[in-house]
Amino acid sequence: GTAVALSLGCFAVLPLLVRLAAGDGLL
């Protein structure tokens, strides 16, 4: 359960927020 929560927070929620804020570019 801990591994699932960490993964979702760092590699699903965070990239989605960055994508919404800064777009789809490489940087």
PDB file of all heavy atoms in Angstrom:
ATOM      1  N   GLY A   1       0.807  -1.213   0.000  1.00  0.00           N
ATOM      2  CA  GLY A   1       0.000   0.000   0.000  1.00  0.00           C
ATOM      3  C   GLY A   1       0.845   1.269   0.000  1.00  0.00           C
ATOM      4  O   GLY A   1       0.528   2.247  -0.697  1.00  0.00           O
ATOM      5  N   THR A   2       1.921   1.244   0.762  1.00  0.00           N
ATOM      6  CA  THR A   2       2.816   2.403   0.799  1.00  0.00           C
ATOM      7  C   THR A   2       3.472   2.638  -0.557  1.00  0.00           C
ATOM      8  O   THR A   2       3.583   3.784  -1.027  1.00  0.00           O
ATOM      9  CB  THR A   2       3.897   2.190   1.872  1.00  0.00           C
ATOM     10  OG1 THR A   2       3.270   1.999   3.142  1.00  0.00           O
ATOM     11  CG2 THR A   2       4.832   3.385   1.947  1.00  0.00           C
ATOM     12  N   ALA A   3       3.913   1.563  -1.215  1.00  0.00           N
ATOM     13  CA  ALA A   3       4.541   1.686  -2.529  1.00  0.00           C
ATOM     14  C   ALA A   3       3.558   2.232  -3.560  1.00  0.00           C
ATOM     15  O   ALA A   3       3.924   3.066  -4.408  1.00  0.00           O
ATOM     16  CB  ALA A   3       5.069   0.323  -2.971  1.00  0.00           C
ATOM     17  N   VAL A   4       2.293   1.795  -3.499  1.00  0.00           N
ATOM     18  CA  VAL A   4       1.272   2.305  -4.416  1.00  0.00           C
ATOM     19  C   VAL A   4       1.063   3.803  -4.211  1.00  0.00           C
ATOM     20  O   VAL A   4       1.032   4.591  -5.176  1.00  0.00           O
ATOM     21  CB  VAL A   4      -0.058   1.537  -4.221  1.00  0.00           C
ATOM     22  CG1 VAL A   4      -1.204   2.255  -4.936  1.00  0.00           C
ATOM     23  CG2 VAL A   4       0.062   0.113  -4.735  1.00  0.00           C
ATOM     24  N   ALA A   5       0.923   4.227  -2.956  1.00  0.00           N
ATOM     25  CA  ALA A   5       0.675   5.645  -2.669  1.00  0.00           C
ATOM     26  C   ALA A   5       1.848   6.514  -3.117  1.00  0.00           C
ATOM     27  O   ALA A   5       1.659   7.583  -3.726  1.00  0.00           O
ATOM     28  CB  ALA A   5       0.412   5.826  -1.175  1.00  0.00           C
ATOM     29  N   LEU A   6       3.067   6.079  -2.815  1.00  0.00           N
ATOM     30  CA  LEU A   6       4.244   6.844  -3.239  1.00  0.00           C
ATOM     31  C   LEU A   6       4.311   6.973  -4.753  1.00  0.00           C
ATOM     32  O   LEU A   6       4.594   8.051  -5.293  1.00  0.00           O
ATOM     33  CB  LEU A   6       5.513   6.161  -2.723  1.00  0.00           C
ATOM     34  CG  LEU A   6       5.986   6.498  -1.312  1.00  0.00           C
ATOM     35  CD1 LEU A   6       7.189   5.631  -0.946  1.00  0.00           C
ATOM     36  CD2 LEU A   6       6.349   7.969  -1.206  1.00  0.00           C
ATOM     37  N   SER A   7       4.071   5.877  -5.450  1.00  0.00           N
ATOM     38  CA  SER A   7       4.157   5.883  -6.915  1.00  0.00           C
ATOM     39  C   SER A   7       3.130   6.820  -7.528  1.00  0.00           C
ATOM     40  O   SER A   7       3.449   7.622  -8.425  1.00  0.00           O
ATOM     41  CB  SER A   7       3.959   4.462  -7.454  1.00  0.00           C
ATOM     42  OG  SER A   7       4.920   3.578  -6.940  1.00  0.00           O
ATOM     43  N   LEU A   8       1.891   6.732  -7.059  1.00  0.00           N
ATOM     44  CA  LEU A   8       0.838   7.588  -7.609  1.00  0.00           C
ATOM     45  C   LEU A   8       1.134   9.070  -7.362  1.00  0.00           C
ATOM     46  O   LEU A   8       0.962   9.910  -8.254  1.00  0.00           O
ATOM     47  CB  LEU A   8      -0.505   7.210  -6.994  1.00  0.00           C
ATOM     48  CG  LEU A   8      -1.122   5.874  -7.450  1.00  0.00           C
ATOM     49  CD1 LEU A   8      -2.375   5.566  -6.634  1.00  0.00           C
ATOM     50  CD2 LEU A   8      -1.444   5.896  -8.936  1.00  0.00           C
ATOM     51  N   GLY A   9       1.593   9.392  -6.164  1.00  0.00           N
ATOM     52  CA  GLY A   9       1.869  10.788  -5.852  1.00  0.00           C
ATOM     53  C   GLY A   9       2.999  11.377  -6.681  1.00  0.00           C
ATOM     54  O   GLY A   9       2.886  12.501  -7.191  1.00  0.00           O
ATOM     55  N   CYS A  10       4.085  10.612  -6.834  1.00  0.00           N
ATOM     56  CA  CYS A  10       5.285  11.153  -7.480  1.00  0.00           C
ATOM     57  C   CYS A  10       5.282  11.016  -9.000  1.00  0.00           C
ATOM     58  O   CYS A  10       5.922  11.823  -9.696  1.00  0.00           O
ATOM     59  CB  CYS A  10       6.528  10.460  -6.922  1.00  0.00           C
ATOM     60  SG  CYS A  10       6.799  10.756  -5.167  1.00  0.00           S
ATOM     61  N   PHE A  11       4.560  10.021  -9.529  1.00  0.00           N
ATOM     62  CA  PHE A  11       4.665   9.756 -10.962  1.00  0.00           C
ATOM     63  C   PHE A  11       3.331   9.770 -11.704  1.00  0.00           C
ATOM     64  O   PHE A  11       3.295   9.457 -12.898  1.00  0.00           O
ATOM     65  CB  PHE A  11       5.371   8.420 -11.186  1.00  0.00           C
ATOM     66  CG  PHE A  11       6.773   8.408 -10.660  1.00  0.00           C
ATOM     67  CD1 PHE A  11       7.091   7.738  -9.491  1.00  0.00           C
ATOM     68  CD2 PHE A  11       7.778   9.107 -11.316  1.00  0.00           C
ATOM     69  CE1 PHE A  11       8.383   7.750  -8.993  1.00  0.00           C
ATOM     70  CE2 PHE A  11       9.071   9.123 -10.820  1.00  0.00           C
ATOM     71  CZ  PHE A  11       9.381   8.445  -9.652  1.00  0.00           C
ATOM     72  N   ALA A  12       2.250  10.136 -11.015  1.00  0.00           N
ATOM     73  CA  ALA A  12       0.970  10.328 -11.692  1.00  0.00           C
ATOM     74  C   ALA A  12       0.430  11.722 -11.388  1.00  0.00           C
ATOM     75  O   ALA A  12       0.227  12.527 -12.297  1.00  0.00           O
ATOM     76  CB  ALA A  12      -0.036   9.259 -11.257  1.00  0.00           C
ATOM     77  N   VAL A  13       0.232  12.032 -10.104  1.00  0.00           N
ATOM     78  CA  VAL A  13      -0.327  13.333  -9.733  1.00  0.00           C
ATOM     79  C   VAL A  13       0.634  14.464 -10.076  1.00  0.00           C
ATOM     80  O   VAL A  13       0.253  15.465 -10.708  1.00  0.00           O
ATOM     81  CB  VAL A  13      -0.660  13.354  -8.222  1.00  0.00           C
ATOM     82  CG1 VAL A  13      -1.146  14.742  -7.813  1.00  0.00           C
ATOM     83  CG2 VAL A  13      -1.719  12.301  -7.903  1.00  0.00           C
ATOM     84  N   LEU A  14       1.910  14.321  -9.679  1.00  0.00           N
ATOM     85  CA  LEU A  14       2.888  15.382  -9.933  1.00  0.00           C
ATOM     86  C   LEU A  14       3.078  15.667 -11.425  1.00  0.00           C
ATOM     87  O   LEU A  14       2.996  16.834 -11.848  1.00  0.00           O
ATOM     88  CB  LEU A  14       4.225  15.019  -9.268  1.00  0.00           C
ATOM     89  CG  LEU A  14       5.366  16.018  -9.476  1.00  0.00           C
ATOM     90  CD1 LEU A  14       4.997  17.385  -8.903  1.00  0.00           C
ATOM     91  CD2 LEU A  14       6.649  15.505  -8.830  1.00  0.00           C
ATOM     92  N   PRO A  15       3.335  14.659 -12.290  1.00  0.00           N
ATOM     93  CA  PRO A  15       3.464  14.961 -13.725  1.00  0.00           C
ATOM     94  C   PRO A  15       2.201  15.586 -14.321  1.00  0.00           C
ATOM     95  O   PRO A  15       2.289  16.453 -15.198  1.00  0.00           O
ATOM     96  CB  PRO A  15       3.757  13.598 -14.345  1.00  0.00           C
ATOM     97  CG  PRO A  15       4.356  12.802 -13.254  1.00  0.00           C
ATOM     98  CD  PRO A  15       3.653  13.246 -12.006  1.00  0.00           C
ATOM     99  N   LEU A  16       1.014  15.149 -13.840  1.00  0.00           N
ATOM    100  CA  LEU A  16      -0.225  15.735 -14.352  1.00  0.00           C
ATOM    101  C   LEU A  16      -0.328  17.214 -13.996  1.00  0.00           C
ATOM    102  O   LEU A  16      -0.694  18.045 -14.832  1.00  0.00           O
ATOM    103  CB  LEU A  16      -1.418  14.966 -13.786  1.00  0.00           C
ATOM    104  CG  LEU A  16      -2.806  15.482 -14.191  1.00  0.00           C
ATOM    105  CD1 LEU A  16      -2.973  15.416 -15.702  1.00  0.00           C
ATOM    106  CD2 LEU A  16      -3.904  14.683 -13.497  1.00  0.00           C
ATOM    107  N   LEU A  17       0.023  17.571 -12.751  1.00  0.00           N
ATOM    108  CA  LEU A  17      -0.022  18.976 -12.341  1.00  0.00           C
ATOM    109  C   LEU A  17       0.966  19.822 -13.144  1.00  0.00           C
ATOM    110  O   LEU A  17       0.641  20.933 -13.583  1.00  0.00           O
ATOM    111  CB  LEU A  17       0.277  19.086 -10.844  1.00  0.00           C
ATOM    112  CG  LEU A  17      -0.778  18.493  -9.901  1.00  0.00           C
ATOM    113  CD1 LEU A  17      -0.308  18.592  -8.454  1.00  0.00           C
ATOM    114  CD2 LEU A  17      -2.116  19.199 -10.081  1.00  0.00           C
ATOM    115  N   VAL A  18       2.179  19.287 -13.342  1.00  0.00           N
ATOM    116  CA  VAL A  18       3.179  20.020 -14.129  1.00  0.00           C
ATOM    117  C   VAL A  18       2.713  20.179 -15.568  1.00  0.00           C
ATOM    118  O   VAL A  18       2.876  21.236 -16.189  1.00  0.00           O
ATOM    119  CB  VAL A  18       4.535  19.297 -14.062  1.00  0.00           C
ATOM    120  CG1 VAL A  18       5.532  19.928 -15.029  1.00  0.00           C
ATOM    121  CG2 VAL A  18       5.086  19.326 -12.638  1.00  0.00           C
ATOM    122  N   ARG A  19       2.097  19.132 -16.111  1.00  0.00           N
ATOM    123  CA  ARG A  19       1.617  19.193 -17.491  1.00  0.00           C
ATOM    124  C   ARG A  19       0.514  20.233 -17.649  1.00  0.00           C
ATOM    125  O   ARG A  19       0.466  20.971 -18.638  1.00  0.00           O
ATOM    126  CB  ARG A  19       1.121  17.809 -17.910  1.00  0.00           C
ATOM    127  CG  ARG A  19       1.043  17.607 -19.412  1.00  0.00           C
ATOM    128  CD  ARG A  19       0.852  16.129 -19.735  1.00  0.00           C
ATOM    129  NE  ARG A  19       1.027  15.880 -21.153  1.00  0.00           N
ATOM    130  CZ  ARG A  19       1.018  14.671 -21.702  1.00  0.00           C
ATOM    131  NH1 ARG A  19       0.861  13.599 -20.934  1.00  0.00           N
ATOM    132  NH2 ARG A  19       1.168  14.528 -23.008  1.00  0.00           N
ATOM    133  N   LEU A  20      -0.389  20.302 -16.672  1.00  0.00           N
ATOM    134  CA  LEU A  20      -1.464  21.285 -16.727  1.00  0.00           C
ATOM    135  C   LEU A  20      -0.927  22.708 -16.598  1.00  0.00           C
ATOM    136  O   LEU A  20      -1.454  23.644 -17.206  1.00  0.00           O
ATOM    137  CB  LEU A  20      -2.475  21.009 -15.611  1.00  0.00           C
ATOM    138  CG  LEU A  20      -3.324  19.733 -15.762  1.00  0.00           C
ATOM    139  CD1 LEU A  20      -4.181  19.521 -14.517  1.00  0.00           C
ATOM    140  CD2 LEU A  20      -4.198  19.825 -17.004  1.00  0.00           C
ATOM    141  N   ALA A  21       0.125  22.860 -15.802  1.00  0.00           N
ATOM    142  CA  ALA A  21       0.658  24.200 -15.553  1.00  0.00           C
ATOM    143  C   ALA A  21       1.625  24.661 -16.633  1.00  0.00           C
ATOM    144  O   ALA A  21       1.646  25.853 -16.989  1.00  0.00           O
ATOM    145  CB  ALA A  21       1.357  24.223 -14.193  1.00  0.00           C
ATOM    146  N   ALA A  22       2.461  23.737 -17.165  1.00  0.00           N
ATOM    147  CA  ALA A  22       3.546  24.153 -18.065  1.00  0.00           C
ATOM    148  C   ALA A  22       3.439  23.593 -19.477  1.00  0.00           C
ATOM    149  O   ALA A  22       4.281  23.918 -20.327  1.00  0.00           O
ATOM    150  CB  ALA A  22       4.890  23.742 -17.456  1.00  0.00           C
ATOM    151  N   GLY A  23       2.473  22.746 -19.753  1.00  0.00           N
ATOM    152  CA  GLY A  23       2.322  22.234 -21.108  1.00  0.00           C
ATOM    153  C   GLY A  23       3.034  20.910 -21.316  1.00  0.00           C
ATOM    154  O   GLY A  23       3.523  20.274 -20.371  1.00  0.00           O
ATOM    155  N   ASP A  24       3.100  20.494 -22.605  1.00  0.00           N
ATOM    156  CA  ASP A  24       3.599  19.165 -22.957  1.00  0.00           C
ATOM    157  C   ASP A  24       5.045  19.148 -23.457  1.00  0.00           C
ATOM    158  O   ASP A  24       5.473  18.163 -24.062  1.00  0.00           O
ATOM    159  CB  ASP A  24       2.708  18.553 -24.054  1.00  0.00           C
ATOM    160  CG  ASP A  24       1.295  18.310 -23.579  1.00  0.00           C
ATOM    161  OD1 ASP A  24       1.123  18.097 -22.364  1.00  0.00           O
ATOM    162  OD2 ASP A  24       0.367  18.344 -24.411  1.00  0.00           O
ATOM    163  N   GLY A  25       5.791  20.191 -23.251  1.00  0.00           N
ATOM    164  CA  GLY A  25       7.147  20.246 -23.784  1.00  0.00           C
ATOM    165  C   GLY A  25       8.102  19.283 -23.100  1.00  0.00           C
ATOM    166  O   GLY A  25       7.806  18.686 -22.052  1.00  0.00           O
ATOM    167  N   LEU A  26       9.295  19.151 -23.701  1.00  0.00           N
ATOM    168  CA  LEU A  26      10.305  18.245 -23.161  1.00  0.00           C
ATOM    169  C   LEU A  26      10.805  18.720 -21.798  1.00  0.00           C
ATOM    170  O   LEU A  26      10.981  17.913 -20.874  1.00  0.00           O
ATOM    171  CB  LEU A  26      11.484  18.143 -24.146  1.00  0.00           C
ATOM    172  CG  LEU A  26      12.670  17.281 -23.693  1.00  0.00           C
ATOM    173  CD1 LEU A  26      12.232  15.837 -23.467  1.00  0.00           C
ATOM    174  CD2 LEU A  26      13.805  17.361 -24.713  1.00  0.00           C
ATOM    175  N   LEU A  27      11.034  20.034 -21.658  1.00  0.00           N
ATOM    176  CA  LEU A  27      11.565  20.558 -20.395  1.00  0.00           C
ATOM    177  C   LEU A  27      10.622  20.309 -19.221  1.00  0.00           C
ATOM    178  O   LEU A  27      11.057  19.838 -18.157  1.00  0.00           O
ATOM    179  CB  LEU A  27      11.876  22.050 -20.539  1.00  0.00           C
ATOM    180  CG  LEU A  27      12.557  22.711 -19.328  1.00  0.00           C
ATOM    181  CD1 LEU A  27      13.871  22.010 -19.012  1.00  0.00           C
ATOM    182  CD2 LEU A  27      12.777  24.203 -19.590  1.00  0.00           C
TER     183      LEU A  27
END
